């Protein structure tokens, strides 16, 4: 009984799990448009005879289902994101996207299929459980404002004691598990700066207010924010991704210039300081040249901040199942992930499961048109969730 039996069932259902994943992969839907994906997931949950299912949770097609154990105990939640990307698939697979310009290039199809497989196993064995399992199928992770925050506001974590999420990774070898002892991702913010100058003839720059020169100064001088305003032990990234101005002719000074970029931080105080100084310094630089500034700073997802003691427990649980050499601590990346909103409400942890395999060219980065995974990663993902269920619910 328990974990070994659950894993036997999980492995026996592997072919079915692959079919689910490939179906979702063939019919991808982007953020806020996952209607048919959600309908497919709900149809499977009903096949498993899970009675408590909420749909349209949050600001989109969120699904919250509950598997009730036969005895009292804690309630834990597992999350899978379900949205795809606006990207034309080029991966060499027989089940490539049938929806032009849309692709599962981040592994969310595998997340959804994995959580379905875990749901089937634990629903079949619910009489063993001391507590409850909440299944969170979340839309719109890829596109801020995302789906997590609105699902939390809509009560998806009501009564939940711990919450867990995972992500398959093509840059981690299949069979390996990676965890983050504290931060798992960065705060992900964006900004736009409009510089209003005064157009003129390129041969008479003294009669104009050149927004290109002003913009060049903004780009270079704001680099000092990270090197001179931020504690070097507290990571921060400032990247200008775009600079547009004029270009209609070689001898015309444009009226306006437009800059845009991203800011990544881990610490909330550093995040506040970056926003404050971008606005303060940006306005000062632009005004000093005689221009006018419009600066918009948009906060995206907060950082994923894993609960330390829960993550230490997760590490030990997974090491006991897969071996200590297969479970290792990862260095935080500065990407964004809206699982952060769950961890602001409940203790829990977010971890990575290896899905890379050079032998089948499953090594392209996420969000690449040739991205693919080793589908055996879904076995390891499923086993990881089942190991956590065993610890908390048996």
Protein backbone atom coordinates (compact mmCIF):
# COMPACT_ATOMS: atom_id res chain seq x y z
CA UNK A 1 0.00 0.00 0.00
CA UNK A 2 1.03 3.64 -0.16
CA UNK A 3 3.80 5.08 -2.30
CA UNK A 4 5.01 1.87 -3.95
CA UNK A 5 1.50 0.93 -5.05
CA UNK A 6 0.86 4.48 -6.24
CA UNK A 7 4.02 4.48 -8.34
CA UNK A 8 3.08 1.13 -9.86
CA UNK A 9 -0.24 2.63 -10.95
CA UNK A 10 1.46 5.80 -12.21
CA UNK A 11 3.85 3.78 -14.36
CA UNK A 12 1.04 1.53 -15.59
CA UNK A 13 -0.83 4.66 -16.70
CA UNK A 14 2.23 6.19 -18.40
CA UNK A 15 1.01 5.50 -21.93
CA UNK A 16 -2.25 7.25 -21.16
CA UNK A 17 -0.39 10.19 -19.62
CA UNK A 18 1.66 10.54 -22.82
CA UNK A 19 -1.55 10.55 -24.85
CA UNK A 20 -2.99 13.33 -22.68
CA UNK A 21 0.17 15.37 -23.00
CA UNK A 22 0.30 14.96 -26.77
CA UNK A 23 -3.35 15.90 -27.15
CA UNK A 24 -2.78 19.11 -25.18
CA UNK A 25 0.39 19.73 -27.19
CA UNK A 26 -1.40 19.32 -30.52
CA UNK A 27 -4.12 21.79 -29.56
CA UNK A 28 -2.30 24.53 -27.64
CA UNK A 29 -4.07 27.64 -26.43
CA UNK A 30 -2.35 30.87 -25.33
CA UNK A 31 -2.85 32.72 -22.07
CA UNK A 32 -6.46 33.68 -21.27
CA UNK A 33 -7.74 31.50 -24.15
CA UNK A 34 -7.37 27.98 -22.68
CA UNK A 35 -11.07 27.09 -23.02
CA UNK A 36 -10.72 23.72 -24.77
CA UNK A 37 -7.68 22.77 -22.71
CA UNK A 38 -9.70 23.38 -19.55
CA UNK A 39 -12.64 21.41 -20.93
CA UNK A 40 -10.33 18.47 -21.68
CA UNK A 41 -8.90 18.53 -18.16
CA UNK A 42 -12.34 18.71 -16.56
CA UNK A 43 -13.54 15.79 -18.69
CA UNK A 44 -10.70 13.66 -17.33
CA UNK A 45 -11.31 14.71 -13.73
CA UNK A 46 -14.94 13.67 -14.14
CA UNK A 47 -13.83 10.33 -15.62
CA UNK A 48 -11.83 9.81 -12.42
CA UNK A 49 -15.08 10.48 -10.51
CA UNK A 50 -13.70 13.48 -8.65
CA UNK A 51 -16.83 15.17 -7.36
CA UNK A 52 -15.60 18.56 -6.19
CA UNK A 53 -14.56 20.55 -9.27
CA UNK A 54 -14.69 24.35 -9.67
CA UNK A 55 -14.22 25.90 -13.09
CA UNK A 56 -13.59 29.44 -14.34
CA UNK A 57 -11.68 30.18 -11.17
CA UNK A 58 -9.93 33.53 -11.18
CA UNK A 59 -9.69 35.72 -14.26
CA UNK A 60 -9.84 32.92 -16.80
CA UNK A 61 -10.16 29.17 -17.14
CA UNK A 62 -8.76 28.15 -13.76
CA UNK A 63 -9.75 24.76 -12.35
CA UNK A 64 -9.72 23.75 -8.69
CA UNK A 65 -10.53 20.14 -7.81
CA UNK A 66 -10.35 18.34 -4.47
CA UNK A 67 -9.63 14.72 -3.65
CA UNK A 68 -10.97 14.01 -0.18
CA UNK A 69 -9.26 11.46 2.01
CA UNK A 70 -11.15 9.08 4.27
CA UNK A 71 -9.58 10.43 7.45
CA UNK A 72 -8.82 13.93 8.78
CA UNK A 73 -5.44 15.49 8.15
CA UNK A 74 -3.72 18.35 6.37
CA UNK A 75 -4.70 19.69 2.97
CA UNK A 76 -1.96 20.11 0.38
CA UNK A 77 -2.19 21.62 -3.11
CA UNK A 78 -0.36 20.75 -6.33
CA UNK A 79 -0.32 23.24 -9.20
CA UNK A 80 0.06 22.79 -12.96
CA UNK A 81 0.02 25.68 -15.44
CA UNK A 82 -1.75 24.95 -18.73
CA UNK A 83 -1.17 27.80 -21.21
CA UNK A 84 0.92 27.83 -24.39
CA UNK A 85 2.96 30.50 -26.17
CA UNK A 86 2.40 32.51 -29.34
CA UNK A 87 5.15 30.79 -31.29
CA UNK A 88 5.25 28.78 -34.53
CA UNK A 89 6.41 25.26 -33.73
CA UNK A 90 9.48 23.85 -35.49
CA UNK A 91 10.07 20.84 -33.24
CA UNK A 92 10.56 17.51 -34.98
CA UNK A 93 7.67 15.61 -33.39
CA UNK A 94 4.73 13.73 -34.89
CA UNK A 95 2.25 15.51 -32.61
CA UNK A 96 3.25 19.09 -33.41
CA UNK A 97 0.83 21.97 -32.93
CA UNK A 98 -2.24 22.04 -35.13
CA UNK A 99 -2.93 25.65 -34.14
CA UNK A 100 -0.80 27.96 -36.32
CA UNK A 101 1.40 30.37 -34.40
CA UNK A 102 0.76 28.74 -31.02
CA UNK A 103 3.00 26.19 -29.32
CA UNK A 104 3.62 24.50 -26.00
CA UNK A 105 7.24 25.62 -25.84
CA UNK A 106 7.61 25.65 -22.06
CA UNK A 107 6.36 22.24 -20.91
CA UNK A 108 2.99 23.26 -19.52
CA UNK A 109 1.39 20.43 -21.50
CA UNK A 110 3.53 18.01 -19.50
CA UNK A 111 2.61 19.73 -16.24
CA UNK A 112 -1.10 19.34 -16.95
CA UNK A 113 -0.79 15.70 -18.01
CA UNK A 114 1.36 14.89 -14.98
CA UNK A 115 -1.12 16.38 -12.55
CA UNK A 116 -3.93 14.47 -14.25
CA UNK A 117 -1.97 11.23 -13.82
CA UNK A 118 -1.37 11.99 -10.14
CA UNK A 119 -5.04 12.85 -9.70
CA UNK A 120 -6.09 9.52 -11.20
CA UNK A 121 -3.81 7.54 -8.89
CA UNK A 122 -4.73 9.37 -5.68
CA UNK A 123 -8.44 9.42 -6.46
CA UNK A 124 -8.26 5.63 -6.86
CA UNK A 125 -6.53 5.40 -3.49
CA UNK A 126 -8.33 8.16 -1.61
CA UNK A 127 -9.42 5.72 1.08
CA UNK A 128 -5.77 5.63 2.23
CA UNK A 129 -5.41 9.39 2.59
CA UNK A 130 -5.40 11.22 5.90
CA UNK A 131 -6.28 14.65 4.61
CA UNK A 132 -7.09 16.19 1.25
CA UNK A 133 -5.38 17.04 -2.03
CA UNK A 134 -6.29 20.18 -3.98
CA UNK A 135 -5.48 20.19 -7.69
CA UNK A 136 -4.78 23.60 -9.22
CA UNK A 137 -4.86 23.76 -13.01
CA UNK A 138 -3.81 27.34 -13.65
CA UNK A 139 -4.14 29.33 -16.88
CA UNK A 140 -2.11 32.28 -18.12
CA UNK A 141 1.24 31.86 -16.39
CA UNK A 142 3.06 33.15 -19.46
CA UNK A 143 1.32 36.50 -19.71
CA UNK A 144 1.05 39.01 -16.85
CA UNK A 145 -1.06 39.63 -14.87
CA UNK A 146 -1.14 35.84 -15.01
CA UNK A 147 -3.62 33.44 -13.53
CA UNK A 148 -2.24 32.67 -10.08
CA UNK A 149 -3.03 35.90 -8.28
CA UNK A 150 -6.65 35.94 -9.40
CA UNK A 151 -7.10 32.27 -8.46
CA UNK A 152 -5.77 33.02 -4.98
CA UNK A 153 -8.20 35.92 -4.67
CA UNK A 154 -10.96 33.56 -5.79
CA UNK A 155 -10.25 31.22 -2.89
CA UNK A 156 -8.23 28.44 -4.51
CA UNK A 157 -6.06 28.10 -1.40
CA UNK A 158 -8.86 28.25 1.16
CA UNK A 159 -8.21 25.52 3.70
CA UNK A 160 -4.85 24.59 2.14
CA UNK A 161 -1.91 24.04 4.50
CA UNK A 162 0.94 23.62 1.98
CA UNK A 163 1.28 24.29 -1.75
CA UNK A 164 3.75 22.78 -4.23
CA UNK A 165 4.59 23.32 -7.87
CA UNK A 166 7.14 21.99 -10.31
CA UNK A 167 8.52 22.84 -13.74
CA UNK A 168 10.12 20.51 -16.27
CA UNK A 169 13.42 21.89 -17.56
CA UNK A 170 15.17 21.03 -20.81
CA UNK A 171 18.52 22.21 -19.44
CA UNK A 172 18.36 19.68 -16.60
CA UNK A 173 19.01 16.03 -17.46
CA UNK A 174 15.99 13.75 -17.24
CA UNK A 175 16.02 11.88 -13.94
CA UNK A 176 17.49 14.80 -12.01
CA UNK A 177 15.60 16.98 -9.54
CA UNK A 178 16.58 20.54 -8.68
CA UNK A 179 15.36 22.62 -5.76
CA UNK A 180 15.82 26.19 -4.56
CA UNK A 181 16.42 26.54 -0.85
CA UNK A 182 15.02 30.08 -0.81
CA UNK A 183 14.42 32.20 -3.92
CA UNK A 184 13.29 30.32 -7.03
CA UNK A 185 12.75 33.25 -9.41
CA UNK A 186 12.93 37.03 -9.54
CA UNK A 187 10.48 39.89 -9.37
CA UNK A 188 9.76 40.62 -13.02
CA UNK A 189 8.99 44.25 -13.87
CA UNK A 190 8.94 46.32 -17.07
CA UNK A 191 9.20 49.99 -17.91
CA UNK A 192 8.55 52.40 -20.78
CA UNK A 193 10.13 55.83 -21.13
CA UNK A 194 8.91 58.46 -23.59
CA UNK A 195 11.31 61.32 -24.25
CA UNK A 196 9.65 64.36 -25.77
CA UNK A 197 12.20 66.55 -27.48
CA UNK A 198 11.94 69.05 -30.31
CA UNK A 199 12.47 67.98 -33.89
CA UNK A 200 14.64 69.81 -36.35
CA UNK A 201 17.17 69.68 -39.16
CA UNK A 202 20.16 67.42 -38.65
CA UNK A 203 22.47 70.21 -39.81
CA UNK A 204 21.16 72.58 -37.14
CA UNK A 205 20.99 70.54 -33.91
CA UNK A 206 21.25 73.72 -31.81
CA UNK A 207 17.68 74.59 -32.84
CA UNK A 208 16.33 71.22 -31.69
CA UNK A 209 16.14 69.16 -28.52
CA UNK A 210 17.52 65.84 -29.67
CA UNK A 211 15.69 62.91 -28.01
CA UNK A 212 18.24 60.42 -29.36
CA UNK A 213 21.11 62.06 -27.49
CA UNK A 214 18.92 62.29 -24.40
CA UNK A 215 17.94 58.63 -24.73
CA UNK A 216 21.56 57.56 -25.11
CA UNK A 217 22.36 59.33 -21.84
CA UNK A 218 19.41 57.69 -20.11
CA UNK A 219 20.53 54.23 -21.23
CA UNK A 220 24.14 54.68 -20.13
CA UNK A 221 23.57 56.62 -16.92
CA UNK A 222 20.86 54.33 -15.56
CA UNK A 223 23.36 51.46 -15.69
CA UNK A 224 24.91 53.01 -12.59
CA UNK A 225 21.78 52.11 -10.62
CA UNK A 226 22.86 48.50 -10.21
CA UNK A 227 26.56 49.21 -9.70
CA UNK A 228 26.26 52.25 -7.40
CA UNK A 229 22.87 52.20 -5.68
CA UNK A 230 22.27 48.51 -5.01
CA UNK A 231 23.97 46.34 -2.38
CA UNK A 232 26.25 44.01 -4.41
CA UNK A 233 25.03 41.07 -2.32
CA UNK A 234 21.44 41.69 -3.45
CA UNK A 235 20.95 40.80 -7.14
CA UNK A 236 19.41 43.26 -9.59
CA UNK A 237 19.20 43.37 -13.38
CA UNK A 238 18.37 46.41 -15.52
CA UNK A 239 18.08 45.76 -19.26
CA UNK A 240 17.04 48.16 -22.01
CA UNK A 241 15.39 46.07 -24.70
CA UNK A 242 14.24 48.76 -27.11
CA UNK A 243 15.17 52.23 -28.38
CA UNK A 244 13.03 53.75 -31.14
CA UNK A 245 13.34 57.24 -32.60
CA UNK A 246 12.91 58.85 -36.00
CA UNK A 247 14.74 57.22 -38.87
CA UNK A 248 12.56 58.69 -41.61
CA UNK A 249 15.59 60.42 -43.12
CA UNK A 250 19.27 60.81 -42.29
CA UNK A 251 19.01 64.55 -41.72
CA UNK A 252 15.93 64.77 -39.49
CA UNK A 253 16.07 65.06 -35.72
CA UNK A 254 13.01 63.32 -34.33
CA UNK A 255 10.51 64.85 -31.94
CA UNK A 256 10.35 61.85 -29.62
CA UNK A 257 12.24 58.75 -28.54
CA UNK A 258 10.94 55.66 -26.79
CA UNK A 259 12.83 53.31 -24.49
CA UNK A 260 11.61 50.09 -22.91
CA UNK A 261 13.12 47.36 -20.82
CA UNK A 262 12.93 45.06 -17.84
CA UNK A 263 14.03 45.05 -14.20
CA UNK A 264 14.65 41.87 -12.23
CA UNK A 265 15.21 41.76 -8.47
CA UNK A 266 14.85 39.28 -5.62
CA UNK A 267 14.51 41.59 -2.64
CA UNK A 268 11.37 43.75 -2.28
CA UNK A 269 13.39 46.69 -0.92
CA UNK A 270 15.69 46.55 -3.94
CA UNK A 271 12.64 46.40 -6.18
CA UNK A 272 11.26 49.56 -4.57
CA UNK A 273 14.60 51.33 -4.92
CA UNK A 274 14.97 50.41 -8.61
CA UNK A 275 11.52 51.77 -9.43
CA UNK A 276 12.12 54.95 -7.44
CA UNK A 277 15.52 55.65 -9.00
CA UNK A 278 14.52 54.86 -12.58
CA UNK A 279 11.80 57.49 -12.26
CA UNK A 280 13.95 59.97 -10.35
CA UNK A 281 17.11 59.70 -12.47
CA UNK A 282 15.21 59.32 -15.73
CA UNK A 283 13.27 62.52 -15.17
CA UNK A 284 16.38 64.36 -14.03
CA UNK A 285 18.46 63.36 -17.07
CA UNK A 286 15.71 64.12 -19.57
CA UNK A 287 14.83 67.46 -17.99
CA UNK A 288 18.48 68.51 -17.85
CA UNK A 289 18.61 68.35 -21.65
CA UNK A 290 15.41 70.34 -22.00
CA UNK A 291 13.21 67.36 -22.79
CA UNK A 292 10.04 66.15 -21.12
CA UNK A 293 9.71 62.69 -19.64
CA UNK A 294 6.89 60.19 -19.35
CA UNK A 295 7.99 57.15 -17.36
CA UNK A 296 5.75 54.16 -16.77
CA UNK A 297 6.93 51.38 -14.44
CA UNK A 298 4.82 48.20 -14.34
CA UNK A 299 5.23 45.60 -11.63
CA UNK A 300 4.96 42.04 -12.82
CA UNK A 301 5.25 38.83 -10.83
CA UNK A 302 6.93 38.95 -7.42
CA UNK A 303 9.83 36.61 -6.68
CA UNK A 304 9.20 32.96 -5.88
CA UNK A 305 10.26 32.72 -2.24
CA UNK A 306 10.23 29.12 -1.08
CA UNK A 307 9.56 28.33 2.58
CA UNK A 308 12.92 27.29 4.01
CA UNK A 309 11.81 24.46 6.30
CA UNK A 310 9.33 23.09 3.75
CA UNK A 311 12.01 23.06 1.06
CA UNK A 312 14.48 21.30 3.35
CA UNK A 313 11.81 18.67 3.97
CA UNK A 314 11.09 18.42 0.23
CA UNK A 315 14.79 17.88 -0.48
CA UNK A 316 14.96 15.03 2.03
CA UNK A 317 11.73 13.44 0.79
CA UNK A 318 12.84 13.43 -2.85
CA UNK A 319 16.39 12.33 -2.01
CA UNK A 320 14.96 9.34 -0.16
CA UNK A 321 13.04 8.32 -3.30
CA UNK A 322 15.51 9.17 -6.09
CA UNK A 323 18.87 9.13 -4.30
CA UNK A 324 20.91 12.02 -2.94
CA UNK A 325 23.01 12.31 -6.11
CA UNK A 326 19.90 12.90 -8.21
CA UNK A 327 18.58 15.78 -6.08
CA UNK A 328 20.61 18.97 -5.96
CA UNK A 329 20.29 22.64 -5.09
CA UNK A 330 20.05 25.05 -8.01
CA UNK A 331 21.18 28.65 -8.29
CA UNK A 332 18.28 31.06 -8.62
CA UNK A 333 17.63 32.45 -12.08
CA UNK A 334 16.22 35.91 -12.74
CA UNK A 335 13.22 34.70 -14.73
CA UNK A 336 9.64 35.35 -13.66
CA UNK A 337 7.05 32.86 -12.37
CA UNK A 338 3.61 33.59 -10.91
CA UNK A 339 3.73 30.60 -8.55
CA UNK A 340 5.05 33.35 -6.27
CA UNK A 341 1.49 34.41 -5.44
CA UNK A 342 0.67 31.02 -3.90
CA UNK A 343 3.76 31.21 -1.71
CA UNK A 344 2.77 34.66 -0.49
CA UNK A 345 -0.32 33.03 1.02
CA UNK A 346 0.80 29.56 2.11
CA UNK A 347 4.04 27.74 2.97
CA UNK A 348 5.36 25.57 0.19
CA UNK A 349 8.02 25.07 -2.44
CA UNK A 350 8.63 25.24 -6.19
CA UNK A 351 11.16 22.91 -7.80
CA UNK A 352 12.51 21.70 -11.15
CA UNK A 353 12.34 18.28 -12.78
CA UNK A 354 14.85 17.39 -15.49
CA UNK A 355 13.42 16.85 -18.98
CA UNK A 356 16.55 17.22 -21.12
CA UNK A 357 17.99 14.44 -23.26
CA UNK A 358 20.67 15.12 -25.89
CA UNK A 359 20.00 11.77 -27.60
CA UNK A 360 16.57 12.96 -28.78
CA UNK A 361 17.51 16.64 -29.18
CA UNK A 362 15.49 17.57 -26.12
CA UNK A 363 17.97 20.31 -25.28
CA UNK A 364 16.62 23.47 -26.87
CA UNK A 365 15.85 26.28 -24.41
CA UNK A 366 12.35 27.02 -23.24
CA UNK A 367 10.38 29.38 -25.52
CA UNK A 368 12.37 28.11 -28.53
CA UNK A 369 10.41 26.93 -31.61
CA UNK A 370 12.30 23.59 -31.50
CA UNK A 371 11.73 23.05 -27.77
CA UNK A 372 10.81 19.53 -26.72
CA UNK A 373 11.15 17.31 -23.67
CA UNK A 374 11.90 13.73 -22.79
CA UNK A 375 8.41 12.54 -21.89
CA UNK A 376 9.84 10.20 -19.25
CA UNK A 377 10.23 13.35 -17.18
CA UNK A 378 6.51 13.05 -16.44
CA UNK A 379 7.23 9.85 -14.50
CA UNK A 380 9.71 11.72 -12.30
CA UNK A 381 7.33 14.65 -11.91
CA UNK A 382 4.51 12.30 -10.96
CA UNK A 383 6.69 10.38 -8.50
CA UNK A 384 7.73 13.67 -6.91
CA UNK A 385 4.15 14.72 -6.30
CA UNK A 386 3.28 11.24 -5.00
CA UNK A 387 6.24 11.32 -2.61
CA UNK A 388 4.97 14.59 -1.17
CA UNK A 389 1.46 13.17 -0.92
CA UNK A 390 2.81 10.16 0.97
CA UNK A 391 4.62 12.37 3.49
CA UNK A 392 1.75 14.73 4.19
CA UNK A 393 -1.29 12.50 3.69
CA UNK A 394 -0.32 9.03 4.97
